[in-house]
Each structure stands twice: as C-alpha cells, then as structure tokens.
C-alpha cells in the first residue's frame, strides 16, 4: 500500500505548451540572429513588449517590426534561492525587470552578477542566447 500524499511529497510535472507564433515569429528569428525586436502598431503607433499579434491599445492587427535598444536600467529584481522543480538542475538565480530607453519594461534572468552585487538603478544590457536544445531566449547582463 502506498503512502498518503503529504506536504513534502514531490512528483514530476511535465508540461508542454504549444504557443502559436505565426504572427510573432520574427521576434524569435531575430533572437536567433542576435537581434532584439518588437512590434509597433501601424494604426496607433503603440510599441509593445513582448511582441503582440494584436495591439493592446487599439486592437489593430497590422504592425511593423522595430529594433529595441538593448540598454536597460534595473527597476526591480528578486533572488530565487529555492528553485522550482522545473529548474532543479539550476543554482539560485536573479530575475530582473529592466526599463529600456523606449520606456518598455522587460523581464529576464540577470546573469553574471552575484545577488549581493545587484543594485536598483544599475545599468544592464539585453543579450540574445540559445539554449542547449536550440531555442532562442534573452537575458540581462551588467553593462
């Protein structure tokens, strides 16, 4: 007979998300090339991040791709010490929100900085990366 589940029980949870990217694939393609882009609504001019298939301001569906400045200023952060099971192979890490010169706020891991050295207002840069599985992603690094 198996034990009843407790607060300390742990089991694997494998999730797979199929996220349609037909209208935002240029973002991922740009990251693969080392770029950092987003959408600008052709109707009202709203610039969104992350890229949007439809404008959150006017609901328009026509947009153009624009390059984003990679320079950011740290707005806030958290040091994750107790990693979730999906990151069990990772050490603790810092997640940051940075504000780009365009005024957009971006959420990303902050790499290469010890948690005790992270300071509000510090200058960061966005860098494109590729995972070992070949998927593009981006991080912040200290500028």
N, C-alpha and C. Protein backbone atom coordinates (compact mmCIF):
# COMPACT_ATOMS: atom_id res chain seq x y z
N UNK A 1 0.84 -1.17 0.00
CA UNK A 1 0.00 0.00 0.00
C UNK A 1 0.89 1.24 0.00
N UNK A 2 0.58 2.21 -0.83
CA UNK A 2 1.40 3.42 -0.92
C UNK A 2 1.02 4.41 0.17
N UNK A 3 1.98 5.30 0.46
CA UNK A 3 1.74 6.32 1.49
C UNK A 3 0.79 7.39 0.97
N UNK A 4 0.06 7.97 1.88
CA UNK A 4 -0.81 9.09 1.53
C UNK A 4 0.07 10.30 1.20
N UNK A 5 -0.32 11.10 0.21
CA UNK A 5 0.48 12.30 -0.12
C UNK A 5 0.58 13.23 1.08
N UNK A 6 1.71 13.89 1.20
CA UNK A 6 1.92 14.85 2.28
C UNK A 6 2.40 16.16 1.68
N UNK A 7 2.59 17.14 2.53
CA UNK A 7 3.10 18.43 2.07
C UNK A 7 4.51 18.30 1.50
N UNK A 8 5.19 17.24 1.85
CA UNK A 8 6.56 17.05 1.42
C UNK A 8 6.68 16.08 0.24
N UNK A 9 5.56 15.61 -0.27
CA UNK A 9 5.60 14.72 -1.42
C UNK A 9 6.05 15.51 -2.64
N UNK A 10 6.73 14.85 -3.53
CA UNK A 10 7.17 15.51 -4.75
C UNK A 10 6.96 14.55 -5.90
N UNK A 11 6.43 15.07 -6.97
CA UNK A 11 6.28 14.26 -8.18
C UNK A 11 6.58 15.14 -9.38
N UNK A 12 7.01 14.52 -10.44
CA UNK A 12 7.36 15.25 -11.65
C UNK A 12 6.09 15.76 -12.33
N UNK A 13 6.18 16.95 -12.86
CA UNK A 13 5.09 17.54 -13.62
C UNK A 13 5.67 18.01 -14.94
N UNK A 14 5.41 17.26 -15.99
CA UNK A 14 5.93 17.59 -17.30
C UNK A 14 4.86 18.34 -18.07
N UNK A 15 5.18 19.55 -18.46
CA UNK A 15 4.24 20.39 -19.19
C UNK A 15 4.77 20.68 -20.58
N UNK A 16 3.88 20.77 -21.51
CA UNK A 16 4.25 21.16 -22.86
C UNK A 16 3.23 22.19 -23.30
N UNK A 17 3.74 23.32 -23.76
CA UNK A 17 2.87 24.39 -24.24
C UNK A 17 3.10 24.58 -25.72
N UNK A 18 2.05 24.52 -26.49
CA UNK A 18 2.12 24.84 -27.90
C UNK A 18 1.57 26.25 -28.05
N UNK A 19 2.47 27.20 -28.21
CA UNK A 19 2.10 28.60 -28.29
C UNK A 19 2.19 29.04 -29.74
N UNK A 20 1.07 29.49 -30.32
CA UNK A 20 1.12 29.91 -31.73
C UNK A 20 1.98 31.17 -31.88
N UNK A 21 2.93 31.11 -32.81
CA UNK A 21 3.81 32.26 -33.01
C UNK A 21 3.78 32.74 -34.46
N UNK A 22 2.74 32.38 -35.20
CA UNK A 22 2.72 32.73 -36.62
C UNK A 22 2.85 34.23 -36.86
N UNK A 23 2.32 35.05 -35.95
CA UNK A 23 2.40 36.50 -36.15
C UNK A 23 3.58 37.13 -35.40
N UNK A 24 4.24 36.37 -34.55
CA UNK A 24 5.36 36.93 -33.79
C UNK A 24 6.67 36.17 -34.01
N UNK A 25 6.70 35.31 -35.01
CA UNK A 25 7.91 34.50 -35.24
C UNK A 25 9.13 35.37 -35.51
N UNK A 26 8.95 36.57 -36.03
CA UNK A 26 10.10 37.44 -36.32
C UNK A 26 10.90 37.75 -35.05
N UNK A 27 10.21 37.84 -33.92
CA UNK A 27 10.91 38.06 -32.65
C UNK A 27 11.90 36.93 -32.38
N UNK A 28 11.42 35.69 -32.50
CA UNK A 28 12.27 34.52 -32.23
C UNK A 28 13.36 34.38 -33.28
N UNK A 29 13.03 34.66 -34.54
CA UNK A 29 14.04 34.61 -35.60
C UNK A 29 15.12 35.66 -35.36
N UNK A 30 14.70 36.86 -34.93
CA UNK A 30 15.68 37.92 -34.64
C UNK A 30 16.59 37.51 -33.49
N UNK A 31 16.02 36.91 -32.44
CA UNK A 31 16.86 36.45 -31.33
C UNK A 31 17.89 35.43 -31.81
N UNK A 32 17.50 34.53 -32.70
CA UNK A 32 18.44 33.55 -33.24
C UNK A 32 19.60 34.23 -33.94
N UNK A 33 19.33 35.39 -34.56
CA UNK A 33 20.37 36.15 -35.26
C UNK A 33 21.10 37.12 -34.33
N UNK A 34 20.69 37.15 -33.04
CA UNK A 34 21.31 38.06 -32.10
C UNK A 34 20.59 39.40 -31.99
N UNK A 35 19.44 39.54 -32.65
CA UNK A 35 18.69 40.79 -32.62
C UNK A 35 17.70 40.84 -31.46
N UNK A 36 17.12 42.03 -31.27
CA UNK A 36 16.12 42.22 -30.22
C UNK A 36 15.09 43.20 -30.77
N UNK A 37 13.93 42.68 -31.15
CA UNK A 37 12.90 43.46 -31.83
C UNK A 37 11.56 43.31 -31.13
N UNK A 38 10.63 44.18 -31.51
CA UNK A 38 9.26 44.06 -31.02
C UNK A 38 8.32 44.66 -32.04
N UNK A 39 7.03 44.68 -31.71
CA UNK A 39 6.01 45.17 -32.63
C UNK A 39 5.62 46.61 -32.31
N UNK A 40 5.35 47.34 -33.40
CA UNK A 40 4.82 48.71 -33.33
C UNK A 40 3.55 48.73 -34.16
N UNK A 41 2.44 49.13 -33.56
CA UNK A 41 1.15 49.15 -34.23
C UNK A 41 1.18 50.16 -35.38
N UNK A 42 0.79 49.73 -36.56
CA UNK A 42 0.74 50.62 -37.72
C UNK A 42 -0.41 51.61 -37.62
N UNK A 43 -1.41 51.29 -36.81
CA UNK A 43 -2.59 52.15 -36.68
C UNK A 43 -2.37 53.28 -35.67
N UNK A 44 -1.97 52.94 -34.43
CA UNK A 44 -1.87 53.97 -33.38
C UNK A 44 -0.44 54.26 -32.95
N UNK A 45 0.54 53.47 -33.42
CA UNK A 45 1.94 53.70 -33.08
C UNK A 45 2.39 53.11 -31.76
N UNK A 46 1.52 52.37 -31.07
CA UNK A 46 1.88 51.77 -29.78
C UNK A 46 2.98 50.73 -29.97
N UNK A 47 4.02 50.83 -29.15
CA UNK A 47 5.10 49.85 -29.15
C UNK A 47 4.89 48.94 -27.95
N UNK A 48 4.86 47.64 -28.19
CA UNK A 48 4.57 46.66 -27.13
C UNK A 48 5.74 45.72 -26.92
N UNK A 49 5.94 45.33 -25.68
CA UNK A 49 6.85 44.23 -25.38
C UNK A 49 6.24 43.43 -24.25
N UNK A 50 6.17 42.11 -24.42
CA UNK A 50 6.65 41.34 -25.55
C UNK A 50 5.83 41.65 -26.80
N UNK A 51 6.35 41.23 -27.97
CA UNK A 51 5.63 41.49 -29.22
C UNK A 51 4.21 40.95 -29.17
N UNK A 52 3.31 41.69 -29.76
CA UNK A 52 1.89 41.33 -29.73
C UNK A 52 1.37 41.06 -31.13
N UNK A 53 0.49 40.09 -31.27
CA UNK A 53 -0.16 39.81 -32.55
C UNK A 53 -1.25 40.83 -32.84
N UNK A 54 -1.82 41.40 -31.78
CA UNK A 54 -2.85 42.44 -31.90
C UNK A 54 -2.51 43.53 -30.91
N UNK A 55 -2.73 44.78 -31.30
CA UNK A 55 -2.39 45.92 -30.45
C UNK A 55 -3.26 45.95 -29.20
N UNK A 56 -2.66 46.00 -28.03
CA UNK A 56 -3.45 46.05 -26.81
C UNK A 56 -4.15 47.40 -26.61
N UNK A 57 -3.71 48.43 -27.34
CA UNK A 57 -4.33 49.75 -27.20
C UNK A 57 -5.54 49.91 -28.12
N UNK A 58 -5.37 49.63 -29.42
CA UNK A 58 -6.47 49.88 -30.37
C UNK A 58 -7.03 48.61 -30.99
N UNK A 59 -6.45 47.45 -30.63
CA UNK A 59 -6.84 46.14 -31.14
C UNK A 59 -6.55 45.96 -32.64
N UNK A 60 -5.75 46.83 -33.21
CA UNK A 60 -5.35 46.68 -34.61
C UNK A 60 -4.47 45.47 -34.79
N UNK A 61 -4.48 44.89 -35.99
CA UNK A 61 -3.68 43.70 -36.23
C UNK A 61 -2.58 43.93 -37.27
N UNK A 62 -2.38 45.16 -37.68
CA UNK A 62 -1.30 45.49 -38.60
C UNK A 62 -0.18 46.14 -37.79
N UNK A 63 1.04 45.64 -37.98
CA UNK A 63 2.14 46.19 -37.21
C UNK A 63 3.42 46.10 -38.02
N UNK A 64 4.45 46.77 -37.54
CA UNK A 64 5.78 46.70 -38.13
C UNK A 64 6.76 46.29 -37.04
N UNK A 65 7.86 45.72 -37.46
CA UNK A 65 8.88 45.29 -36.52
C UNK A 65 9.89 46.42 -36.34
N UNK A 66 10.24 46.70 -35.07
CA UNK A 66 11.20 47.75 -34.77
C UNK A 66 12.29 47.17 -33.86
N UNK A 67 13.51 47.67 -34.06
CA UNK A 67 14.62 47.28 -33.20
C UNK A 67 14.47 47.96 -31.85
N UNK A 68 14.82 47.26 -30.80
CA UNK A 68 14.81 47.82 -29.45
C UNK A 68 16.22 48.12 -29.00
N UNK A 69 16.36 49.17 -28.22
CA UNK A 69 17.63 49.49 -27.59
C UNK A 69 17.91 48.39 -26.58
N UNK A 70 19.13 47.91 -26.51
CA UNK A 70 19.48 46.83 -25.58
C UNK A 70 19.86 47.34 -24.20
N UNK A 71 20.03 48.65 -24.06
CA UNK A 71 20.39 49.21 -22.76
C UNK A 71 19.16 49.27 -21.87
N UNK A 72 19.35 48.89 -20.61
CA UNK A 72 18.24 48.88 -19.65
C UNK A 72 18.74 49.34 -18.30
N UNK A 73 17.80 49.84 -17.50
CA UNK A 73 18.07 50.23 -16.12
C UNK A 73 17.25 49.32 -15.22
N UNK A 74 17.90 48.74 -14.21
CA UNK A 74 17.22 47.82 -13.31
C UNK A 74 16.15 48.55 -12.50
N UNK A 75 14.92 48.08 -12.61
CA UNK A 75 13.79 48.64 -11.87
C UNK A 75 13.58 47.86 -10.58
N UNK A 76 13.53 46.54 -10.70
CA UNK A 76 13.35 45.69 -9.53
C UNK A 76 13.88 44.30 -9.85
N UNK A 77 14.05 43.49 -8.81
CA UNK A 77 14.58 42.14 -9.01
C UNK A 77 14.19 41.26 -7.85
N UNK A 78 14.36 39.96 -8.05
CA UNK A 78 14.21 39.00 -6.96
C UNK A 78 15.28 37.94 -7.11
N UNK A 79 15.81 37.50 -5.97
CA UNK A 79 16.80 36.44 -5.95
C UNK A 79 16.06 35.16 -5.60
N UNK A 80 16.01 34.23 -6.53
CA UNK A 80 15.30 32.98 -6.33
C UNK A 80 16.28 31.96 -5.76
N UNK A 81 16.10 31.63 -4.50
CA UNK A 81 17.01 30.69 -3.82
C UNK A 81 16.47 29.27 -3.85
N UNK A 82 15.17 29.14 -3.70
CA UNK A 82 14.53 27.82 -3.71
C UNK A 82 13.93 27.63 -5.11
N UNK A 83 14.67 26.95 -5.95
CA UNK A 83 14.24 26.81 -7.35
C UNK A 83 13.10 25.82 -7.48
N UNK A 84 12.18 26.12 -8.40
CA UNK A 84 11.09 25.16 -8.64
C UNK A 84 11.65 23.88 -9.26
N UNK A 85 10.87 22.83 -9.20
CA UNK A 85 11.31 21.52 -9.69
C UNK A 85 11.76 21.58 -11.15
N UNK A 86 11.11 22.43 -11.96
CA UNK A 86 11.48 22.51 -13.38
C UNK A 86 12.87 23.12 -13.57
N UNK A 87 13.42 23.77 -12.53
CA UNK A 87 14.78 24.31 -12.58
C UNK A 87 15.67 23.63 -11.54
N UNK A 88 15.37 22.38 -11.23
CA UNK A 88 16.08 21.65 -10.18
C UNK A 88 17.58 21.56 -10.47
N UNK A 89 17.97 21.58 -11.73
CA UNK A 89 19.38 21.50 -12.08
C UNK A 89 20.07 22.85 -12.03
N UNK A 90 19.32 23.92 -11.77
CA UNK A 90 19.88 25.27 -11.74
C UNK A 90 20.24 25.67 -10.32
N UNK A 91 21.28 26.49 -10.21
CA UNK A 91 21.59 27.12 -8.93
C UNK A 91 20.57 28.24 -8.71
N UNK A 92 20.68 28.92 -7.60
CA UNK A 92 19.80 30.07 -7.39
C UNK A 92 20.07 31.08 -8.51
N UNK A 93 19.11 31.95 -8.77
CA UNK A 93 19.25 32.90 -9.87
C UNK A 93 18.51 34.19 -9.55
N UNK A 94 18.81 35.23 -10.34
CA UNK A 94 18.18 36.53 -10.18
C UNK A 94 17.30 36.80 -11.39
N UNK A 95 16.06 37.16 -11.11
CA UNK A 95 15.14 37.60 -12.16
C UNK A 95 15.00 39.11 -12.00
N UNK A 96 15.12 39.83 -13.12
CA UNK A 96 15.10 41.29 -13.08
C UNK A 96 14.06 41.86 -14.02
N UNK A 97 13.59 43.04 -13.67
CA UNK A 97 12.78 43.85 -14.59
C UNK A 97 13.61 45.08 -14.90
N UNK A 98 13.87 45.27 -16.17
CA UNK A 98 14.64 46.42 -16.62
C UNK A 98 13.79 47.31 -17.50
N UNK A 99 14.05 48.60 -17.42
CA UNK A 99 13.35 49.55 -18.28
C UNK A 99 14.27 49.95 -19.41
N UNK A 100 13.79 49.75 -20.64
CA UNK A 100 14.55 50.13 -21.83
C UNK A 100 14.41 51.63 -22.06
N UNK A 101 15.27 52.19 -22.91
CA UNK A 101 15.20 53.63 -23.18
C UNK A 101 13.86 54.03 -23.79
N UNK A 102 13.19 53.08 -24.45
CA UNK A 102 11.86 53.34 -25.03
C UNK A 102 10.76 53.40 -23.97
N UNK A 103 11.12 53.12 -22.72
CA UNK A 103 10.14 53.12 -21.63
C UNK A 103 9.48 51.77 -21.41
N UNK A 104 9.80 50.78 -22.24
CA UNK A 104 9.23 49.45 -22.09
C UNK A 104 9.93 48.72 -20.95
N UNK A 105 9.17 47.93 -20.21
CA UNK A 105 9.75 47.12 -19.15
C UNK A 105 9.86 45.68 -19.63
N UNK A 106 11.01 45.07 -19.35
CA UNK A 106 11.34 43.73 -19.81
C UNK A 106 11.73 42.88 -18.62
N UNK A 107 11.21 41.66 -18.59
CA UNK A 107 11.52 40.68 -17.54
C UNK A 107 12.51 39.67 -18.11
N UNK A 108 13.59 39.40 -17.37
CA UNK A 108 14.58 38.41 -17.83
C UNK A 108 15.47 38.00 -16.66
N UNK A 109 16.17 36.89 -16.83
CA UNK A 109 17.18 36.48 -15.87
C UNK A 109 18.34 37.47 -15.98
N UNK A 110 18.96 37.77 -14.84
CA UNK A 110 20.16 38.59 -14.81
C UNK A 110 21.33 37.65 -14.57
N UNK A 111 22.23 37.58 -15.54
CA UNK A 111 23.35 36.64 -15.45
C UNK A 111 24.67 37.36 -15.21
N UNK A 112 25.59 36.65 -14.56
CA UNK A 112 26.94 37.15 -14.38
C UNK A 112 27.10 38.18 -13.28
N UNK A 113 26.10 38.32 -12.41
CA UNK A 113 26.19 39.27 -11.30
C UNK A 113 25.81 38.51 -10.03
N UNK A 114 26.64 38.61 -9.01
CA UNK A 114 26.32 37.97 -7.73
C UNK A 114 25.10 38.67 -7.13
N UNK A 115 24.19 37.92 -6.53
CA UNK A 115 22.98 38.54 -5.97
C UNK A 115 23.26 39.70 -5.02
N UNK A 116 24.32 39.60 -4.23
CA UNK A 116 24.63 40.67 -3.29
C UNK A 116 25.17 41.93 -3.97
N UNK A 117 25.51 41.83 -5.26
CA UNK A 117 26.02 42.98 -6.00
C UNK A 117 24.94 43.67 -6.85
N UNK A 118 23.74 43.10 -6.89
CA UNK A 118 22.66 43.67 -7.68
C UNK A 118 22.13 44.92 -6.98
N UNK A 119 21.98 46.01 -7.72
CA UNK A 119 21.50 47.28 -7.16
C UNK A 119 20.43 47.89 -8.06
N UNK A 120 19.39 48.43 -7.43
CA UNK A 120 18.38 49.16 -8.20
C UNK A 120 19.06 50.30 -8.94
N UNK A 121 18.65 50.51 -10.17
CA UNK A 121 19.23 51.58 -10.98
C UNK A 121 20.48 51.17 -11.73
N UNK A 122 21.00 49.96 -11.49
CA UNK A 122 22.22 49.55 -12.19
C UNK A 122 21.94 49.42 -13.68
N UNK A 123 22.96 49.65 -14.47
CA UNK A 123 22.85 49.59 -15.92
C UNK A 123 23.06 48.15 -16.38
N UNK A 124 22.19 47.72 -17.29
CA UNK A 124 22.23 46.36 -17.82
C UNK A 124 22.13 46.42 -19.34
N UNK A 125 22.40 45.31 -19.97
CA UNK A 125 22.22 45.14 -21.40
C UNK A 125 21.46 43.84 -21.66
N UNK A 126 20.68 43.82 -22.72
CA UNK A 126 20.00 42.61 -23.16
C UNK A 126 20.93 41.85 -24.09
N UNK A 127 21.07 40.56 -23.86
CA UNK A 127 21.85 39.69 -24.74
C UNK A 127 20.99 38.53 -25.20
N UNK A 128 21.08 38.21 -26.48
CA UNK A 128 20.38 37.06 -27.04
C UNK A 128 21.22 35.81 -26.79
N UNK A 129 20.55 34.72 -26.48
CA UNK A 129 21.21 33.44 -26.22
C UNK A 129 20.44 32.33 -26.92
N UNK A 130 21.07 31.15 -26.96
CA UNK A 130 20.41 29.96 -27.49
C UNK A 130 20.60 28.84 -26.48
N UNK A 131 19.50 28.16 -26.13
CA UNK A 131 19.56 27.07 -25.16
C UNK A 131 20.25 25.86 -25.78
N UNK A 132 20.61 24.90 -24.95
CA UNK A 132 21.26 23.69 -25.45
C UNK A 132 20.34 22.91 -26.37
N UNK A 133 19.01 23.14 -26.26
CA UNK A 133 18.04 22.49 -27.15
C UNK A 133 17.88 23.26 -28.47
N UNK A 134 18.54 24.44 -28.58
CA UNK A 134 18.48 25.23 -29.80
C UNK A 134 17.41 26.31 -29.80
N UNK A 135 16.80 26.57 -28.64
CA UNK A 135 15.75 27.59 -28.56
C UNK A 135 16.34 28.94 -28.19
N UNK A 136 15.92 30.00 -28.89
CA UNK A 136 16.44 31.33 -28.56
C UNK A 136 15.77 31.88 -27.30
N UNK A 137 16.52 32.67 -26.55
CA UNK A 137 16.00 33.39 -25.39
C UNK A 137 16.90 34.59 -25.15
N UNK A 138 16.56 35.42 -24.18
CA UNK A 138 17.37 36.60 -23.89
C UNK A 138 17.57 36.72 -22.38
N UNK A 139 18.63 37.40 -22.00
CA UNK A 139 18.96 37.63 -20.60
C UNK A 139 19.46 39.06 -20.46
N UNK A 140 19.54 39.51 -19.20
CA UNK A 140 20.24 40.75 -18.89
C UNK A 140 21.64 40.39 -18.42
N UNK A 141 22.60 41.25 -18.73
CA UNK A 141 23.94 41.19 -18.17
C UNK A 141 24.28 42.61 -17.72
N UNK A 142 25.21 42.72 -16.77
CA UNK A 142 25.62 44.03 -16.30
C UNK A 142 26.32 44.78 -17.44
N UNK A 143 25.97 46.04 -17.61
CA UNK A 143 26.57 46.84 -18.69
C UNK A 143 27.96 47.30 -18.29
